[in-house]
Amino acid sequence: MNLLNTILIFAAAFLAVFGEAALPGFRNLLGAQIDLLPAIMVYAALNADITIVALLAVFGGLWFDALSANPFGITILPLFAAGFLIHLRRELILRELSFAQIVLGAGASAGVPALTILLLLTAGKEPLLGWGSLWQWLVMTAGGAVATPIIFALFEWCNHALGYQPRTETSFRPDREIHRGRK
């Protein structure tokens, strides 16, 4: 984990939250907003340490709540729960496989809104729930599942393009010739 990857994670989270609020294209087309923050949390949980996951949950949750109708800070715990559960078992997850990324993205994108609704109901708030909420939840889950491999590819490209690539050294020198046999 390097500083560039950390900066890219936080910049992507900020831009994702801002883009969701400023660009209503998908929201008008699908009738629901695709949340990219759980997909970025999946990437951070698999490729960063727990402090980055916690900071992303705090800052991402606060950014998201500042631009939504949620009470301020209600999204922090669901984001951290998704990131923490993935981070616990990241050694066992095949993070390079697109199928694993899709499944983790779908799980995080389904779990974060569900936990947020649970916290809202526990806090005594009355969120607008109905059959349309089920459609929005399905669109958010499918959108997060599709977006997660794209986010992984985007971060890999950025790290390759902007990051330092260590040079591998070998003990074999191609300019040296080995003579075998008797003289």
N, C-alpha and C. Protein backbone atom coordinates (compact mmCIF):
# COMPACT_ATOMS: atom_id res chain seq x y z
N MET A 1 0.85 -1.18 0.00
CA MET A 1 0.00 0.00 0.00
C MET A 1 0.88 1.22 0.00
N ASN A 2 0.71 2.06 -0.97
CA ASN A 2 1.51 3.27 -1.04
C ASN A 2 0.63 4.50 -0.93
N LEU A 3 1.26 5.64 -0.84
CA LEU A 3 0.54 6.89 -0.66
C LEU A 3 -0.31 7.22 -1.89
N LEU A 4 0.18 6.91 -3.07
CA LEU A 4 -0.59 7.18 -4.29
C LEU A 4 -1.92 6.44 -4.28
N ASN A 5 -1.90 5.18 -3.89
CA ASN A 5 -3.13 4.39 -3.85
C ASN A 5 -4.11 4.96 -2.83
N THR A 6 -3.61 5.41 -1.69
CA THR A 6 -4.47 6.02 -0.68
C THR A 6 -5.12 7.30 -1.20
N ILE A 7 -4.32 8.13 -1.85
CA ILE A 7 -4.85 9.37 -2.42
C ILE A 7 -5.89 9.06 -3.49
N LEU A 8 -5.63 8.06 -4.33
CA LEU A 8 -6.58 7.69 -5.37
C LEU A 8 -7.89 7.18 -4.78
N ILE A 9 -7.82 6.44 -3.69
CA ILE A 9 -9.04 5.91 -3.06
C ILE A 9 -9.91 7.06 -2.55
N PHE A 10 -9.30 8.00 -1.83
CA PHE A 10 -10.08 9.11 -1.28
C PHE A 10 -10.57 10.06 -2.38
N ALA A 11 -9.77 10.27 -3.40
CA ALA A 11 -10.21 11.12 -4.51
C ALA A 11 -11.37 10.47 -5.26
N ALA A 12 -11.29 9.16 -5.47
CA ALA A 12 -12.38 8.46 -6.15
C ALA A 12 -13.66 8.50 -5.32
N ALA A 13 -13.54 8.35 -4.01
CA ALA A 13 -14.72 8.40 -3.15
C ALA A 13 -15.36 9.79 -3.20
N PHE A 14 -14.54 10.82 -3.12
CA PHE A 14 -15.07 12.18 -3.17
C PHE A 14 -15.75 12.45 -4.50
N LEU A 15 -15.09 12.07 -5.60
CA LEU A 15 -15.66 12.30 -6.92
C LEU A 15 -16.92 11.47 -7.15
N ALA A 16 -16.96 10.26 -6.59
CA ALA A 16 -18.15 9.42 -6.74
C ALA A 16 -19.34 10.03 -6.02
N VAL A 17 -19.13 10.51 -4.81
CA VAL A 17 -20.22 11.13 -4.06
C VAL A 17 -20.67 12.42 -4.74
N PHE A 18 -19.72 13.21 -5.18
CA PHE A 18 -20.06 14.44 -5.87
C PHE A 18 -20.79 14.16 -7.18
N GLY A 19 -20.31 13.17 -7.93
CA GLY A 19 -20.94 12.82 -9.20
C GLY A 19 -22.36 12.30 -9.03
N GLU A 20 -22.59 11.54 -7.96
CA GLU A 20 -23.94 11.04 -7.70
C GLU A 20 -24.90 12.19 -7.42
N ALA A 21 -24.41 13.22 -6.75
CA ALA A 21 -25.28 14.35 -6.42
C ALA A 21 -25.44 15.32 -7.59
N ALA A 22 -24.40 15.50 -8.37
CA ALA A 22 -24.41 16.53 -9.41
C ALA A 22 -24.93 16.04 -10.76
N LEU A 23 -24.77 14.76 -11.04
CA LEU A 23 -25.15 14.23 -12.35
C LEU A 23 -26.36 13.29 -12.21
N PRO A 24 -27.54 13.77 -12.51
CA PRO A 24 -28.75 12.95 -12.30
C PRO A 24 -29.10 12.04 -13.48
N GLY A 25 -28.17 11.79 -14.38
CA GLY A 25 -28.47 11.02 -15.59
C GLY A 25 -28.99 9.62 -15.31
N PHE A 26 -28.22 8.82 -14.56
CA PHE A 26 -28.64 7.45 -14.25
C PHE A 26 -29.87 7.44 -13.35
N ARG A 27 -29.96 8.39 -12.45
CA ARG A 27 -31.09 8.45 -11.54
C ARG A 27 -32.39 8.69 -12.32
N ASN A 28 -32.35 9.58 -13.30
CA ASN A 28 -33.54 9.84 -14.11
C ASN A 28 -33.86 8.68 -15.04
N LEU A 29 -32.84 8.00 -15.55
CA LEU A 29 -33.03 6.90 -16.49
C LEU A 29 -33.56 5.65 -15.79
N LEU A 30 -32.96 5.29 -14.65
CA LEU A 30 -33.31 4.05 -13.97
C LEU A 30 -34.33 4.21 -12.85
N GLY A 31 -34.53 5.41 -12.39
CA GLY A 31 -35.43 5.62 -11.26
C GLY A 31 -34.76 5.37 -9.93
N ALA A 32 -33.46 5.17 -9.94
CA ALA A 32 -32.70 4.95 -8.70
C ALA A 32 -31.26 5.40 -8.93
N GLN A 33 -30.62 5.81 -7.87
CA GLN A 33 -29.23 6.26 -7.94
C GLN A 33 -28.30 5.10 -7.62
N ILE A 34 -27.32 4.86 -8.47
CA ILE A 34 -26.32 3.83 -8.21
C ILE A 34 -25.27 4.43 -7.28
N ASP A 35 -25.04 3.76 -6.17
CA ASP A 35 -24.08 4.23 -5.18
C ASP A 35 -22.75 3.54 -5.43
N LEU A 36 -21.71 4.31 -5.73
CA LEU A 36 -20.39 3.75 -6.01
C LEU A 36 -19.52 3.63 -4.76
N LEU A 37 -19.94 4.21 -3.66
CA LEU A 37 -19.14 4.18 -2.44
C LEU A 37 -18.92 2.77 -1.89
N PRO A 38 -19.93 1.87 -1.88
CA PRO A 38 -19.64 0.50 -1.45
C PRO A 38 -18.65 -0.23 -2.35
N ALA A 39 -18.68 0.04 -3.65
CA ALA A 39 -17.72 -0.60 -4.55
C ALA A 39 -16.30 -0.12 -4.28
N ILE A 40 -16.15 1.16 -3.99
CA ILE A 40 -14.83 1.69 -3.63
C ILE A 40 -14.39 1.13 -2.28
N MET A 41 -15.33 0.92 -1.39
CA MET A 41 -15.01 0.32 -0.09
C MET A 41 -14.52 -1.12 -0.27
N VAL A 42 -15.09 -1.86 -1.21
CA VAL A 42 -14.62 -3.22 -1.49
C VAL A 42 -13.17 -3.17 -1.95
N TYR A 43 -12.84 -2.25 -2.85
CA TYR A 43 -11.46 -2.13 -3.31
C TYR A 43 -10.52 -1.77 -2.15
N ALA A 44 -10.94 -0.81 -1.32
CA ALA A 44 -10.10 -0.40 -0.20
C ALA A 44 -9.93 -1.52 0.81
N ALA A 45 -10.98 -2.29 1.04
CA ALA A 45 -10.90 -3.39 2.02
C ALA A 45 -9.96 -4.49 1.54
N LEU A 46 -9.86 -4.69 0.25
CA LEU A 46 -9.00 -5.74 -0.28
C LEU A 46 -7.57 -5.28 -0.52
N ASN A 47 -7.35 -3.98 -0.67
CA ASN A 47 -6.03 -3.51 -1.06
C ASN A 47 -5.39 -2.51 -0.11
N ALA A 48 -6.05 -2.16 0.98
CA ALA A 48 -5.51 -1.19 1.92
C ALA A 48 -5.56 -1.77 3.33
N ASP A 49 -4.96 -1.06 4.27
CA ASP A 49 -5.02 -1.52 5.65
C ASP A 49 -6.30 -1.01 6.32
N ILE A 50 -6.52 -1.45 7.55
CA ILE A 50 -7.78 -1.18 8.24
C ILE A 50 -7.95 0.31 8.56
N THR A 51 -6.87 1.04 8.73
CA THR A 51 -7.02 2.47 9.02
C THR A 51 -7.57 3.22 7.80
N ILE A 52 -7.14 2.83 6.62
CA ILE A 52 -7.66 3.44 5.39
C ILE A 52 -9.14 3.09 5.23
N VAL A 53 -9.50 1.85 5.56
CA VAL A 53 -10.91 1.43 5.48
C VAL A 53 -11.75 2.26 6.45
N ALA A 54 -11.26 2.44 7.67
CA ALA A 54 -12.00 3.22 8.66
C ALA A 54 -12.11 4.69 8.25
N LEU A 55 -11.02 5.26 7.76
CA LEU A 55 -11.05 6.66 7.32
C LEU A 55 -11.96 6.85 6.11
N LEU A 56 -11.95 5.88 5.21
CA LEU A 56 -12.84 5.96 4.05
C LEU A 56 -14.29 5.87 4.49
N ALA A 57 -14.59 5.03 5.47
CA ALA A 57 -15.95 4.93 5.98
C ALA A 57 -16.39 6.25 6.61
N VAL A 58 -15.50 6.87 7.37
CA VAL A 58 -15.85 8.14 8.03
C VAL A 58 -16.03 9.25 7.01
N PHE A 59 -15.00 9.48 6.20
CA PHE A 59 -15.09 10.59 5.25
C PHE A 59 -16.13 10.33 4.16
N GLY A 60 -16.15 9.11 3.62
CA GLY A 60 -17.15 8.80 2.59
C GLY A 60 -18.57 8.89 3.13
N GLY A 61 -18.77 8.40 4.35
CA GLY A 61 -20.09 8.49 4.96
C GLY A 61 -20.52 9.92 5.22
N LEU A 62 -19.59 10.74 5.69
CA LEU A 62 -19.92 12.14 5.94
C LEU A 62 -20.18 12.90 4.64
N TRP A 63 -19.37 12.63 3.61
CA TRP A 63 -19.59 13.27 2.31
C TRP A 63 -20.95 12.87 1.75
N PHE A 64 -21.27 11.58 1.86
CA PHE A 64 -22.54 11.08 1.33
C PHE A 64 -23.73 11.68 2.08
N ASP A 65 -23.63 11.71 3.41
CA ASP A 65 -24.73 12.24 4.21
C ASP A 65 -24.90 13.74 4.05
N ALA A 66 -23.81 14.45 3.78
CA ALA A 66 -23.91 15.89 3.59
C ALA A 66 -24.70 16.24 2.33
N LEU A 67 -24.69 15.36 1.33
CA LEU A 67 -25.38 15.64 0.08
C LEU A 67 -26.66 14.82 -0.09
N SER A 68 -27.12 14.18 0.98
CA SER A 68 -28.35 13.40 0.90
C SER A 68 -29.30 13.82 2.01
N ALA A 69 -30.44 13.17 2.06
CA ALA A 69 -31.43 13.48 3.09
C ALA A 69 -31.18 12.70 4.37
N ASN A 70 -30.14 11.91 4.41
CA ASN A 70 -29.83 11.13 5.61
C ASN A 70 -29.40 12.02 6.76
N PRO A 71 -29.65 11.59 7.99
CA PRO A 71 -29.05 12.31 9.13
C PRO A 71 -27.53 12.22 9.04
N PHE A 72 -26.88 13.27 9.47
CA PHE A 72 -25.43 13.37 9.32
C PHE A 72 -24.73 12.27 10.11
N GLY A 73 -23.96 11.42 9.43
CA GLY A 73 -23.16 10.38 10.05
C GLY A 73 -23.80 9.01 10.09
N ILE A 74 -25.00 8.85 9.56
CA ILE A 74 -25.70 7.57 9.65
C ILE A 74 -25.09 6.51 8.72
N THR A 75 -24.39 6.92 7.68
CA THR A 75 -23.85 5.99 6.69
C THR A 75 -22.47 5.47 7.09
N ILE A 76 -21.87 6.04 8.11
CA ILE A 76 -20.50 5.64 8.49
C ILE A 76 -20.46 4.18 8.93
N LEU A 77 -21.34 3.79 9.84
CA LEU A 77 -21.32 2.43 10.36
C LEU A 77 -21.60 1.37 9.29
N PRO A 78 -22.60 1.53 8.42
CA PRO A 78 -22.79 0.52 7.37
C PRO A 78 -21.60 0.39 6.42
N LEU A 79 -20.99 1.52 6.06
CA LEU A 79 -19.81 1.44 5.18
C LEU A 79 -18.65 0.73 5.88
N PHE A 80 -18.44 1.07 7.15
CA PHE A 80 -17.35 0.42 7.89
C PHE A 80 -17.63 -1.07 8.08
N ALA A 81 -18.87 -1.43 8.34
CA ALA A 81 -19.21 -2.85 8.51
C ALA A 81 -18.90 -3.64 7.24
N ALA A 82 -19.28 -3.09 6.10
CA ALA A 82 -18.99 -3.78 4.82
C ALA A 82 -17.49 -3.90 4.60
N GLY A 83 -16.76 -2.81 4.82
CA GLY A 83 -15.31 -2.86 4.62
C GLY A 83 -14.60 -3.75 5.62
N PHE A 84 -15.05 -3.72 6.87
CA PHE A 84 -14.40 -4.53 7.91
C PHE A 84 -14.60 -6.02 7.67
N LEU A 85 -15.81 -6.42 7.29
CA LEU A 85 -16.07 -7.84 7.04
C LEU A 85 -15.26 -8.36 5.86
N ILE A 86 -15.10 -7.56 4.84
CA ILE A 86 -14.28 -7.98 3.69
C ILE A 86 -12.80 -7.99 4.08
N HIS A 87 -12.39 -6.99 4.85
CA HIS A 87 -10.98 -6.90 5.25
C HIS A 87 -10.57 -8.07 6.15
N LEU A 88 -11.49 -8.57 6.95
CA LEU A 88 -11.17 -9.70 7.83
C LEU A 88 -10.75 -10.94 7.05
N ARG A 89 -11.37 -11.18 5.92
CA ARG A 89 -11.12 -12.39 5.14
C ARG A 89 -10.44 -12.12 3.80
N ARG A 90 -9.70 -11.04 3.71
CA ARG A 90 -9.13 -10.69 2.41
C ARG A 90 -8.05 -11.65 1.95
N GLU A 91 -7.42 -12.38 2.86
CA GLU A 91 -6.41 -13.37 2.44
C GLU A 91 -7.05 -14.55 1.72
N LEU A 92 -8.32 -14.80 2.02
CA LEU A 92 -9.02 -15.94 1.43
C LEU A 92 -9.76 -15.59 0.14
N ILE A 93 -9.86 -14.31 -0.17
CA ILE A 93 -10.64 -13.87 -1.33
C ILE A 93 -9.73 -13.76 -2.55
N LEU A 94 -10.18 -14.30 -3.65
CA LEU A 94 -9.43 -14.20 -4.91
C LEU A 94 -9.75 -12.86 -5.55
N ARG A 95 -9.03 -11.84 -5.12
CA ARG A 95 -9.38 -10.46 -5.50
C ARG A 95 -9.14 -10.13 -6.95
N GLU A 96 -8.36 -10.94 -7.67
CA GLU A 96 -8.10 -10.66 -9.08
C GLU A 96 -9.22 -11.15 -9.98
N LEU A 97 -10.07 -12.05 -9.49
CA LEU A 97 -11.14 -12.61 -10.31
C LEU A 97 -12.32 -11.65 -10.40
N SER A 98 -12.80 -11.44 -11.59
CA SER A 98 -13.95 -10.55 -11.79
C SER A 98 -15.19 -11.07 -11.09
N PHE A 99 -15.36 -12.38 -11.06
CA PHE A 99 -16.54 -12.95 -10.41
C PHE A 99 -16.54 -12.63 -8.91
N ALA A 100 -15.40 -12.75 -8.27
CA ALA A 100 -15.31 -12.42 -6.85
C ALA A 100 -15.57 -10.93 -6.62
N GLN A 101 -15.08 -10.10 -7.50
CA GLN A 101 -15.32 -8.66 -7.39
C GLN A 101 -16.80 -8.34 -7.56
N ILE A 102 -17.48 -9.01 -8.49
CA ILE A 102 -18.90 -8.79 -8.71
C ILE A 102 -19.71 -9.22 -7.49
N VAL A 103 -19.39 -10.38 -6.94
CA VAL A 103 -20.12 -10.88 -5.77
C VAL A 103 -19.90 -9.96 -4.57
N LEU A 104 -18.66 -9.56 -4.32
CA LEU A 104 -18.39 -8.66 -3.20
C LEU A 104 -19.04 -7.29 -3.40
N GLY A 105 -19.01 -6.79 -4.63
CA GLY A 105 -19.66 -5.51 -4.93
C GLY A 105 -21.16 -5.59 -4.74
N ALA A 106 -21.77 -6.69 -5.15
CA ALA A 106 -23.22 -6.85 -4.97
C ALA A 106 -23.56 -6.96 -3.49
N GLY A 107 -22.76 -7.70 -2.74
CA GLY A 107 -23.01 -7.84 -1.31
C GLY A 107 -22.88 -6.53 -0.56
N ALA A 108 -21.84 -5.78 -0.87
CA ALA A 108 -21.64 -4.49 -0.20
C ALA A 108 -22.70 -3.48 -0.63
N SER A 109 -23.04 -3.49 -1.91
CA SER A 109 -24.05 -2.54 -2.40
C SER A 109 -25.45 -2.88 -1.91
N ALA A 110 -25.69 -4.14 -1.56
CA ALA A 110 -26.98 -4.51 -0.98
C ALA A 110 -26.97 -4.29 0.53
N GLY A 111 -25.84 -4.56 1.17
CA GLY A 111 -25.77 -4.48 2.63
C GLY A 111 -25.75 -3.07 3.19
N VAL A 112 -25.05 -2.16 2.52
CA VAL A 112 -24.93 -0.79 3.04
C VAL A 112 -26.29 -0.09 3.09
N PRO A 113 -27.11 -0.11 2.03
CA PRO A 113 -28.43 0.54 2.17
C PRO A 113 -29.34 -0.17 3.16
N ALA A 114 -29.25 -1.50 3.22
CA ALA A 114 -30.10 -2.24 4.17
C ALA A 114 -29.73 -1.88 5.61
N LEU A 115 -28.44 -1.81 5.91
CA LEU A 115 -28.02 -1.41 7.26
C LEU A 115 -28.36 0.05 7.55
N THR A 116 -28.29 0.89 6.54
CA THR A 116 -28.66 2.29 6.73
C THR A 116 -30.15 2.42 7.06
N ILE A 117 -31.00 1.68 6.36
CA ILE A 117 -32.43 1.68 6.65
C ILE A 117 -32.68 1.15 8.06
N LEU A 118 -31.97 0.10 8.44
CA LEU A 118 -32.11 -0.45 9.78
C LEU A 118 -31.72 0.56 10.85
N LEU A 119 -30.64 1.28 10.62
CA LEU A 119 -30.22 2.32 11.57
C LEU A 119 -31.22 3.47 11.61
N LEU A 120 -31.76 3.84 10.47
CA LEU A 120 -32.77 4.91 10.45
C LEU A 120 -34.02 4.50 11.24
N LEU A 121 -34.46 3.26 11.05
CA LEU A 121 -35.63 2.79 11.78
C LEU A 121 -35.34 2.66 13.28
N THR A 122 -34.13 2.26 13.62
CA THR A 122 -33.74 2.15 15.02
C THR A 122 -33.67 3.51 15.68
N ALA A 123 -33.26 4.52 14.93
CA ALA A 123 -33.15 5.87 15.48
C ALA A 123 -34.49 6.59 15.56
N GLY A 124 -35.56 5.94 15.14
CA GLY A 124 -36.87 6.55 15.23
C GLY A 124 -37.24 7.41 14.03
N LYS A 125 -36.44 7.42 13.00
CA LYS A 125 -36.76 8.17 11.78
C LYS A 125 -37.78 7.36 10.98
N GLU A 126 -38.46 8.00 10.08
CA GLU A 126 -39.44 7.33 9.24
C GLU A 126 -39.07 7.51 7.77
N PRO A 127 -38.18 6.63 7.24
CA PRO A 127 -37.81 6.75 5.83
C PRO A 127 -38.99 6.33 4.94
N LEU A 128 -39.01 6.85 3.74
CA LEU A 128 -40.06 6.49 2.78
C LEU A 128 -39.76 5.11 2.22
N LEU A 129 -40.54 4.12 2.65
CA LEU A 129 -40.35 2.75 2.19
C LEU A 129 -41.62 2.28 1.50
N GLY A 130 -41.44 1.57 0.41
CA GLY A 130 -42.56 1.01 -0.35
C GLY A 130 -42.03 0.06 -1.39
N TRP A 131 -42.88 -0.30 -2.35
CA TRP A 131 -42.44 -1.22 -3.41
C TRP A 131 -41.39 -0.57 -4.31
N GLY A 132 -41.42 0.74 -4.42
CA GLY A 132 -40.39 1.44 -5.19
C GLY A 132 -39.02 1.33 -4.54
N SER A 133 -39.00 1.19 -3.23
CA SER A 133 -37.73 1.02 -2.52
C SER A 133 -37.07 -0.29 -2.89
N LEU A 134 -37.88 -1.33 -3.12
CA LEU A 134 -37.32 -2.61 -3.56
C LEU A 134 -36.66 -2.47 -4.92
N TRP A 135 -37.29 -1.73 -5.85
CA TRP A 135 -36.69 -1.49 -7.16
C TRP A 135 -35.37 -0.73 -7.01
N GLN A 136 -35.37 0.31 -6.18
CA GLN A 136 -34.15 1.09 -5.98
C GLN A 136 -33.05 0.24 -5.38
N TRP A 137 -33.39 -0.62 -4.44
CA TRP A 137 -32.40 -1.49 -3.81
C TRP A 137 -31.82 -2.48 -4.82
N LEU A 138 -32.67 -3.02 -5.69
CA LEU A 138 -32.18 -3.95 -6.72
C LEU A 138 -31.27 -3.24 -7.73
N VAL A 139 -31.65 -2.03 -8.12
CA VAL A 139 -30.82 -1.26 -9.06
C VAL A 139 -29.48 -0.91 -8.41
N MET A 140 -29.49 -0.53 -7.15
CA MET A 140 -28.24 -0.20 -6.44
C MET A 140 -27.35 -1.43 -6.32
N THR A 141 -27.96 -2.59 -6.05
CA THR A 141 -27.18 -3.82 -5.92
C THR A 141 -26.56 -4.22 -7.26
N ALA A 142 -27.37 -4.20 -8.31
CA ALA A 142 -26.85 -4.56 -9.64
C ALA A 142 -25.82 -3.54 -10.14
N GLY A 143 -26.08 -2.26 -9.90
CA GLY A 143 -25.12 -1.23 -10.31
C GLY A 143 -23.80 -1.34 -9.57
N GLY A 144 -23.85 -1.63 -8.28
CA GLY A 144 -22.62 -1.82 -7.51
C GLY A 144 -21.86 -3.06 -7.94
N ALA A 145 -22.61 -4.13 -8.30
CA ALA A 145 -21.96 -5.35 -8.77
C ALA A 145 -21.24 -5.12 -10.09
N VAL A 146 -21.84 -4.36 -10.99
CA VAL A 146 -21.22 -4.08 -12.28
C VAL A 146 -20.07 -3.09 -12.14
N ALA A 147 -20.22 -2.14 -11.23
CA ALA A 147 -19.21 -1.08 -11.08
C ALA A 147 -17.94 -1.57 -10.39
N THR A 148 -18.02 -2.58 -9.56
CA THR A 148 -16.85 -3.01 -8.79
C THR A 148 -15.69 -3.49 -9.67
N PRO A 149 -15.88 -4.38 -10.65
CA PRO A 149 -14.73 -4.75 -11.51
C PRO A 149 -14.19 -3.57 -12.32
N ILE A 150 -15.08 -2.65 -12.68
CA ILE A 150 -14.63 -1.46 -13.42
C ILE A 150 -13.75 -0.60 -12.53
N ILE A 151 -14.13 -0.46 -11.27
CA ILE A 151 -13.33 0.32 -10.32
C ILE A 151 -11.99 -0.35 -10.08
N PHE A 152 -11.97 -1.67 -9.95
CA PHE A 152 -10.70 -2.39 -9.79
C PHE A 152 -9.80 -2.15 -10.99
N ALA A 153 -10.35 -2.24 -12.20
CA ALA A 153 -9.55 -2.02 -13.41
C ALA A 153 -9.06 -0.58 -13.49
N LEU A 154 -9.90 0.36 -13.10
CA LEU A 154 -9.51 1.77 -13.12
C LEU A 154 -8.38 2.05 -12.13
N PHE A 155 -8.47 1.50 -10.94
CA PHE A 155 -7.41 1.69 -9.96
C PHE A 155 -6.12 1.00 -10.39
N GLU A 156 -6.23 -0.16 -10.99
CA GLU A 156 -5.04 -0.86 -11.48
C GLU A 156 -4.36 -0.05 -12.58
N TRP A 157 -5.16 0.51 -13.48
CA TRP A 157 -4.60 1.34 -14.56
C TRP A 157 -3.93 2.58 -13.99
N CYS A 158 -4.58 3.25 -13.03
CA CYS A 158 -4.00 4.45 -12.43
C CYS A 158 -2.71 4.13 -11.69
N ASN A 159 -2.69 3.04 -10.94
CA ASN A 159 -1.47 2.67 -10.23
C ASN A 159 -0.35 2.32 -11.19
N HIS A 160 -0.69 1.69 -12.30
CA HIS A 160 0.34 1.34 -13.28
C HIS A 160 0.84 2.58 -14.02
N ALA A 161 -0.07 3.50 -14.33
CA ALA A 161 0.31 4.69 -15.09
C ALA A 161 1.03 5.73 -14.24
N LEU A 162 0.61 5.87 -12.99
CA LEU A 162 1.17 6.93 -12.15
C LEU A 162 2.14 6.45 -11.09
N GLY A 163 2.11 5.17 -10.78
CA GLY A 163 2.92 4.66 -9.68
C GLY A 163 4.29 4.21 -10.13
N TYR A 164 5.12 4.03 -9.15
CA TYR A 164 6.48 3.55 -9.38
C TYR A 164 6.44 2.05 -9.57
N GLN A 165 7.02 1.58 -10.66
CA GLN A 165 7.08 0.15 -10.93
C GLN A 165 8.49 -0.34 -10.62
N PRO A 166 8.66 -1.16 -9.59
CA PRO A 166 10.00 -1.63 -9.25
C PRO A 166 10.58 -2.50 -10.37
N ARG A 167 11.85 -2.33 -10.58
CA ARG A 167 12.54 -3.07 -11.63
C ARG A 167 13.04 -4.38 -11.04
N THR A 168 12.74 -5.46 -11.71
CA THR A 168 13.17 -6.76 -11.21
C THR A 168 14.58 -7.03 -11.70
N GLU A 169 15.43 -7.40 -10.80
CA GLU A 169 16.82 -7.71 -11.11
C GLU A 169 17.00 -9.23 -11.07
N THR A 170 17.79 -9.72 -11.97
CA THR A 170 18.08 -11.14 -12.00
C THR A 170 19.59 -11.34 -11.88
N SER A 171 19.98 -12.51 -11.43
CA SER A 171 21.41 -12.78 -11.30
C SER A 171 22.01 -13.20 -12.64
N PHE A 172 21.20 -13.49 -13.61
CA PHE A 172 21.69 -13.88 -14.93
C PHE A 172 22.06 -12.64 -15.72
N ARG A 173 23.27 -12.64 -16.26
CA ARG A 173 23.72 -11.53 -17.11
C ARG A 173 23.77 -12.04 -18.54
N PRO A 174 23.03 -11.42 -19.45
CA PRO A 174 23.01 -11.91 -20.83
C PRO A 174 24.32 -11.65 -21.58
N ASP A 175 25.20 -10.78 -21.08
CA ASP A 175 26.44 -10.49 -21.78
C ASP A 175 27.58 -11.42 -21.35
N ARG A 176 27.29 -12.37 -20.53
CA ARG A 176 28.32 -13.29 -20.04
C ARG A 176 28.12 -14.66 -20.68
N GLU A 177 29.19 -15.22 -21.14
CA GLU A 177 29.12 -16.52 -21.79
C GLU A 177 29.79 -17.55 -20.90
N ILE A 178 29.16 -18.68 -20.75
CA ILE A 178 29.70 -19.74 -19.91
C ILE A 178 30.33 -20.79 -20.84
N HIS A 179 31.61 -21.06 -20.62
CA HIS A 179 32.31 -22.08 -21.40
C HIS A 179 32.29 -23.38 -20.61
N ARG A 180 31.86 -24.42 -21.26
CA ARG A 180 31.84 -25.73 -20.62
C ARG A 180 32.78 -26.65 -21.36
N GLY A 181 33.33 -27.55 -20.65
CA GLY A 181 34.21 -28.52 -21.27
C GLY A 181 35.63 -28.36 -20.78
N ARG A 182 36.50 -29.23 -21.31
CA ARG A 182 37.92 -29.20 -20.92
C ARG A 182 38.71 -28.34 -21.85
N LYS A 183 39.77 -27.82 -21.31
CA LYS A 183 40.66 -27.02 -22.13
C LYS A 183 41.99 -27.65 -22.26
